[in-house]
Amino acid sequence: PTSLKIYVDGKKKSSWTLYTRKGIGRKTSVTVTAELSPKQSESMVTWTSSNPKVAEVSYSTKSTISSTICTIKAVGAGTCKVTATTENGKKATITIKVKKN
């Protein structure tokens, strides 16, 4: 792959805010997609959180895919980076801000 980008609800995003508890307009998790470019590219993608005490990631490991889905869940207040990395080292990062409510 030549590039990797992260999308939320079909829109490229570099940051997202979550909350420690649900409320009106306040989500405790978000599902993001990492897409490889060009579209015919395939690679194994792993997801990591820079601080699992702020946000944790869960994703399905498939052998080779052109896009992958990850669920990011708020754990505690703070900021961290969630990174998708291909097997050849391409990376895409989204900053997750978790607010206590």
Protein backbone atom coordinates (compact mmCIF):
# COMPACT_ATOMS: atom_id res chain seq x y z
CA PRO A 1 0.00 0.00 0.00
CA THR A 2 1.07 3.57 -0.59
CA SER A 3 -1.09 5.19 2.10
CA LEU A 4 -3.38 4.47 5.02
CA LYS A 5 -6.17 6.78 6.23
CA ILE A 6 -8.62 6.65 9.16
CA TYR A 7 -12.33 7.39 8.71
CA VAL A 8 -15.24 7.91 11.12
CA ASP A 9 -18.70 7.66 9.55
CA GLY A 10 -17.11 7.79 6.09
CA LYS A 11 -15.19 11.04 6.75
CA LYS A 12 -11.42 11.31 7.18
CA LYS A 13 -10.72 12.35 10.77
CA SER A 14 -7.61 13.22 12.78
CA SER A 15 -9.32 13.49 16.19
CA TRP A 16 -12.47 12.39 18.04
CA THR A 17 -13.96 13.04 21.48
CA LEU A 18 -15.49 10.35 23.68
CA TYR A 19 -16.96 10.47 27.18
CA THR A 20 -16.58 8.27 30.25
CA ARG A 21 -20.38 7.88 30.51
CA LYS A 22 -23.14 7.90 27.92
CA GLY A 23 -25.45 10.87 27.68
CA ILE A 24 -27.33 12.83 25.04
CA GLY A 25 -24.86 13.33 22.20
CA ARG A 26 -22.12 11.71 24.27
CA LYS A 27 -20.68 8.39 23.16
CA THR A 28 -18.35 6.09 25.10
CA SER A 29 -17.06 4.33 21.98
CA VAL A 30 -16.57 4.88 18.27
CA THR A 31 -15.99 2.57 15.33
CA VAL A 32 -13.28 3.72 12.93
CA THR A 33 -12.10 2.34 9.59
CA ALA A 34 -8.56 2.33 8.22
CA GLU A 35 -8.43 2.16 4.43
CA LEU A 36 -5.42 1.31 2.30
CA SER A 37 -4.69 3.10 -0.94
CA PRO A 38 -4.67 2.11 -3.74
CA LYS A 39 -7.90 0.14 -3.20
CA GLN A 40 -6.46 -3.12 -4.55
CA SER A 41 -3.75 -3.06 -1.86
CA GLU A 42 -3.91 -5.67 0.86
CA SER A 43 -2.00 -5.76 4.12
CA MET A 44 -2.36 -6.98 7.66
CA VAL A 45 -3.24 -4.02 9.92
CA THR A 46 -2.72 -3.81 13.68
CA TRP A 47 -4.24 -1.20 15.98
CA THR A 48 -2.64 0.20 19.14
CA SER A 49 -3.53 2.76 21.80
CA SER A 50 -0.75 4.96 23.17
CA ASN A 51 -2.50 4.88 26.57
CA PRO A 52 -4.89 1.98 27.29
CA LYS A 53 -5.91 3.74 30.54
CA VAL A 54 -7.57 6.41 28.36
CA ALA A 55 -8.88 4.36 25.42
CA GLU A 56 -8.66 0.71 24.46
CA VAL A 57 -8.93 -0.80 21.00
CA SER A 58 -10.54 -3.99 19.78
CA TYR A 59 -10.42 -5.29 16.24
CA SER A 60 -10.67 -8.46 14.24
CA THR A 61 -7.40 -9.81 12.90
CA LYS A 62 -7.74 -10.95 9.32
CA SER A 63 -4.86 -12.16 7.18
CA THR A 64 -4.84 -9.53 4.41
CA ILE A 65 -7.42 -6.83 3.81
CA SER A 66 -7.76 -3.45 2.10
CA SER A 67 -9.73 -1.91 4.98
CA THR A 68 -10.12 -2.79 8.64
CA ILE A 69 -12.54 -1.77 11.38
CA CYS A 70 -11.59 -0.98 14.96
CA THR A 71 -13.75 -0.09 17.96
CA ILE A 72 -12.24 2.47 20.32
CA LYS A 73 -13.69 2.50 23.84
CA ALA A 74 -13.27 5.21 26.47
CA VAL A 75 -11.66 3.99 29.69
CA GLY A 76 -10.67 7.14 31.61
CA ALA A 77 -10.26 10.88 31.11
CA GLY A 78 -7.28 12.07 29.06
CA THR A 79 -5.86 12.07 25.55
CA CYS A 80 -4.16 9.32 23.57
CA LYS A 81 -3.33 8.37 20.02
CA VAL A 82 -4.77 5.30 18.32
CA THR A 83 -2.59 4.08 15.47
CA ALA A 84 -3.26 1.68 12.61
CA THR A 85 -0.06 0.15 11.20
CA THR A 86 0.36 -1.99 8.08
CA GLU A 87 2.85 -4.85 7.92
CA ASN A 88 5.17 -2.69 5.77
CA GLY A 89 5.15 0.20 8.26
CA LYS A 90 2.54 2.61 6.85
CA LYS A 91 0.72 4.35 9.72
CA ALA A 92 -2.40 6.42 10.31
CA THR A 93 -3.25 7.98 13.66
CA ILE A 94 -6.34 9.46 15.27
CA THR A 95 -6.17 11.46 18.50
CA ILE A 96 -8.80 10.39 21.03
CA LYS A 97 -9.88 12.81 23.75
CA VAL A 98 -11.87 11.29 26.59
CA LYS A 99 -13.79 13.69 28.81
CA LYS A 100 -15.14 12.81 32.24
CA ASN A 101 -18.84 13.53 32.67
